N, C-alpha and C. Protein backbone atom coordinates (compact mmCIF):
# COMPACT_ATOMS: atom_id res chain seq x y z
N MET A 1 110.13 0.56 28.69
CA MET A 1 110.20 1.20 27.39
C MET A 1 109.13 0.61 26.48
N ALA A 2 108.32 1.45 25.88
CA ALA A 2 107.22 1.00 25.02
C ALA A 2 107.76 0.61 23.64
N ALA A 3 107.16 -0.42 23.07
CA ALA A 3 107.56 -0.85 21.73
C ALA A 3 107.11 0.18 20.71
N LYS A 4 107.87 0.28 19.62
CA LYS A 4 107.55 1.27 18.59
C LYS A 4 107.61 0.61 17.21
N LEU A 5 106.80 1.13 16.33
CA LEU A 5 106.83 0.74 14.93
C LEU A 5 107.15 1.99 14.12
N ARG A 6 107.27 1.82 12.82
CA ARG A 6 107.52 2.95 11.94
C ARG A 6 106.27 3.27 11.14
N CYS A 7 106.02 4.56 10.95
CA CYS A 7 104.89 5.03 10.14
C CYS A 7 105.07 4.52 8.72
N PRO A 8 104.05 3.93 8.10
CA PRO A 8 104.20 3.39 6.75
C PRO A 8 104.41 4.47 5.68
N ILE A 9 104.12 5.72 6.00
CA ILE A 9 104.26 6.80 5.02
C ILE A 9 105.62 7.49 5.14
N CYS A 10 105.94 8.02 6.33
CA CYS A 10 107.17 8.82 6.48
C CYS A 10 108.28 8.10 7.22
N LYS A 11 108.00 6.93 7.77
CA LYS A 11 108.98 6.07 8.47
C LYS A 11 109.42 6.60 9.83
N LYS A 12 108.72 7.58 10.40
CA LYS A 12 109.03 8.03 11.77
C LYS A 12 108.58 6.95 12.74
N GLU A 13 109.23 6.89 13.91
CA GLU A 13 108.82 5.93 14.93
C GLU A 13 107.48 6.34 15.52
N VAL A 14 106.62 5.33 15.78
CA VAL A 14 105.29 5.56 16.35
C VAL A 14 105.12 4.58 17.50
N ALA A 15 104.74 5.09 18.66
CA ALA A 15 104.50 4.23 19.82
C ALA A 15 103.16 3.51 19.67
N PHE A 16 103.06 2.31 20.25
CA PHE A 16 101.82 1.54 20.17
C PHE A 16 100.63 2.27 20.79
N ASP A 17 100.88 3.09 21.80
CA ASP A 17 99.78 3.79 22.46
C ASP A 17 99.47 5.15 21.81
N ASP A 18 100.11 5.47 20.70
CA ASP A 18 99.84 6.72 19.99
C ASP A 18 98.43 6.66 19.39
N PRO A 19 97.64 7.72 19.52
CA PRO A 19 96.27 7.70 18.99
C PRO A 19 96.20 7.61 17.46
N ASN A 20 97.28 7.95 16.77
CA ASN A 20 97.30 7.88 15.30
C ASN A 20 97.83 6.56 14.78
N MET A 21 98.20 5.65 15.67
CA MET A 21 98.79 4.37 15.29
C MET A 21 98.01 3.73 14.16
N PRO A 22 98.55 3.24 13.08
CA PRO A 22 99.97 3.02 12.83
C PRO A 22 100.67 4.22 12.19
N PHE A 23 99.97 5.32 12.03
CA PHE A 23 100.56 6.51 11.43
C PHE A 23 101.09 7.42 12.53
N CYS A 24 102.00 8.34 12.16
CA CYS A 24 102.56 9.25 13.14
C CYS A 24 101.71 10.51 13.28
N SER A 25 100.85 10.78 12.30
CA SER A 25 100.06 12.02 12.34
C SER A 25 98.83 11.89 11.45
N ASP A 26 97.93 12.86 11.59
CA ASP A 26 96.75 12.91 10.71
C ASP A 26 97.17 13.12 9.26
N ARG A 27 98.27 13.85 9.06
CA ARG A 27 98.76 14.10 7.70
C ARG A 27 99.11 12.78 7.00
N CYS A 28 99.87 11.95 7.67
CA CYS A 28 100.25 10.65 7.08
C CYS A 28 99.02 9.76 6.88
N ARG A 29 98.07 9.83 7.81
CA ARG A 29 96.83 9.07 7.65
C ARG A 29 96.08 9.53 6.40
N ALA A 30 96.02 10.84 6.15
CA ALA A 30 95.34 11.39 4.98
C ALA A 30 96.07 11.01 3.69
N ILE A 31 97.40 11.02 3.72
CA ILE A 31 98.17 10.61 2.55
C ILE A 31 97.87 9.16 2.20
N ASP A 32 97.81 8.30 3.22
CA ASP A 32 97.51 6.88 2.99
C ASP A 32 96.10 6.71 2.40
N LEU A 33 95.15 7.44 2.95
CA LEU A 33 93.79 7.37 2.42
C LEU A 33 93.75 7.82 0.96
N GLY A 34 94.47 8.88 0.65
CA GLY A 34 94.55 9.35 -0.73
C GLY A 34 95.17 8.33 -1.66
N ASN A 35 96.18 7.60 -1.17
CA ASN A 35 96.80 6.55 -1.98
C ASN A 35 95.79 5.45 -2.31
N TRP A 36 94.96 5.08 -1.34
CA TRP A 36 93.92 4.08 -1.60
C TRP A 36 92.90 4.63 -2.59
N ALA A 37 92.47 5.89 -2.40
CA ALA A 37 91.45 6.49 -3.25
C ALA A 37 91.92 6.65 -4.70
N SER A 38 93.21 6.92 -4.88
CA SER A 38 93.75 7.09 -6.23
C SER A 38 94.22 5.76 -6.84
N GLU A 39 93.97 4.66 -6.13
CA GLU A 39 94.31 3.31 -6.57
C GLU A 39 95.81 3.07 -6.74
N LYS A 40 96.62 3.78 -5.92
CA LYS A 40 98.05 3.48 -5.90
C LYS A 40 98.30 2.13 -5.25
N TYR A 41 97.43 1.77 -4.30
CA TYR A 41 97.52 0.47 -3.64
C TYR A 41 96.49 -0.44 -4.31
N VAL A 42 96.88 -1.68 -4.54
CA VAL A 42 95.98 -2.64 -5.15
C VAL A 42 96.09 -3.97 -4.41
N ILE A 43 94.96 -4.54 -4.07
CA ILE A 43 94.94 -5.86 -3.46
C ILE A 43 94.74 -6.85 -4.59
N PRO A 44 95.70 -7.73 -4.82
CA PRO A 44 95.56 -8.67 -5.94
C PRO A 44 94.43 -9.66 -5.70
N GLY A 45 93.69 -9.92 -6.75
CA GLY A 45 92.61 -10.89 -6.69
C GLY A 45 93.02 -12.14 -7.43
N PRO A 46 92.10 -13.07 -7.57
CA PRO A 46 92.43 -14.29 -8.31
C PRO A 46 92.73 -13.94 -9.77
N GLU A 47 93.70 -14.63 -10.32
CA GLU A 47 94.06 -14.38 -11.71
C GLU A 47 92.94 -14.88 -12.61
N GLU A 48 92.64 -14.06 -13.62
CA GLU A 48 91.62 -14.46 -14.58
C GLU A 48 92.29 -15.22 -15.72
N ARG A 49 91.60 -16.21 -16.19
CA ARG A 49 92.13 -16.99 -17.29
C ARG A 49 91.96 -16.21 -18.59
N ALA A 50 92.87 -16.40 -19.49
CA ALA A 50 92.80 -15.74 -20.79
C ALA A 50 91.60 -16.28 -21.56
N GLU A 51 91.05 -15.47 -22.47
CA GLU A 51 89.86 -15.89 -23.22
C GLU A 51 90.12 -17.13 -24.06
N HIS A 52 91.32 -17.25 -24.64
CA HIS A 52 91.60 -18.42 -25.47
C HIS A 52 91.63 -19.70 -24.65
N GLU A 53 91.96 -19.60 -23.37
CA GLU A 53 91.92 -20.78 -22.51
C GLU A 53 90.48 -21.21 -22.27
N ASN A 54 89.56 -20.26 -22.16
CA ASN A 54 88.15 -20.59 -21.97
C ASN A 54 87.60 -21.32 -23.20
N ASP A 55 88.08 -20.96 -24.37
CA ASP A 55 87.61 -21.60 -25.59
C ASP A 55 88.03 -23.08 -25.62
N GLU A 56 89.16 -23.41 -25.04
CA GLU A 56 89.63 -24.79 -25.02
C GLU A 56 88.75 -25.67 -24.15
N ASP A 57 88.12 -25.09 -23.13
CA ASP A 57 87.28 -25.86 -22.22
C ASP A 57 85.93 -26.23 -22.85
N GLU A 58 85.46 -25.42 -23.78
CA GLU A 58 84.16 -25.67 -24.40
C GLU A 58 84.34 -26.63 -25.56
N PRO A 59 83.41 -27.57 -25.72
CA PRO A 59 83.53 -28.50 -26.85
C PRO A 59 83.34 -27.77 -28.16
N ASN A 60 84.03 -28.25 -29.15
CA ASN A 60 83.95 -27.67 -30.49
C ASN A 60 82.61 -28.04 -31.10
N GLU A 61 81.86 -27.05 -31.56
CA GLU A 61 80.52 -27.30 -32.09
C GLU A 61 80.57 -28.15 -33.35
N GLY A 62 81.64 -28.03 -34.12
CA GLY A 62 81.75 -28.77 -35.38
C GLY A 62 82.22 -30.20 -35.18
N ALA A 63 82.75 -30.52 -34.05
CA ALA A 63 83.27 -31.87 -33.81
C ALA A 63 82.15 -32.79 -33.34
N ARG A 64 82.11 -33.95 -33.92
CA ARG A 64 81.12 -34.97 -33.54
C ARG A 64 81.83 -36.25 -33.21
N ARG A 65 81.23 -37.02 -32.32
CA ARG A 65 81.82 -38.30 -31.94
C ARG A 65 81.14 -39.42 -32.64
């Protein structure tokens, strides 16, 4: 018996040797591509520091030692 996974779009079972793997069909593959194109999926990047935090790192121009 071949191992099976579920299609990430419609949740139907998909065999490992299926040509559409990991999707069950071209339709689900196209839906997934559309989700990426419309930015429904987002890969998180490094968090950016707030601007006020950047100001704390720079020495105060008015302060003298």
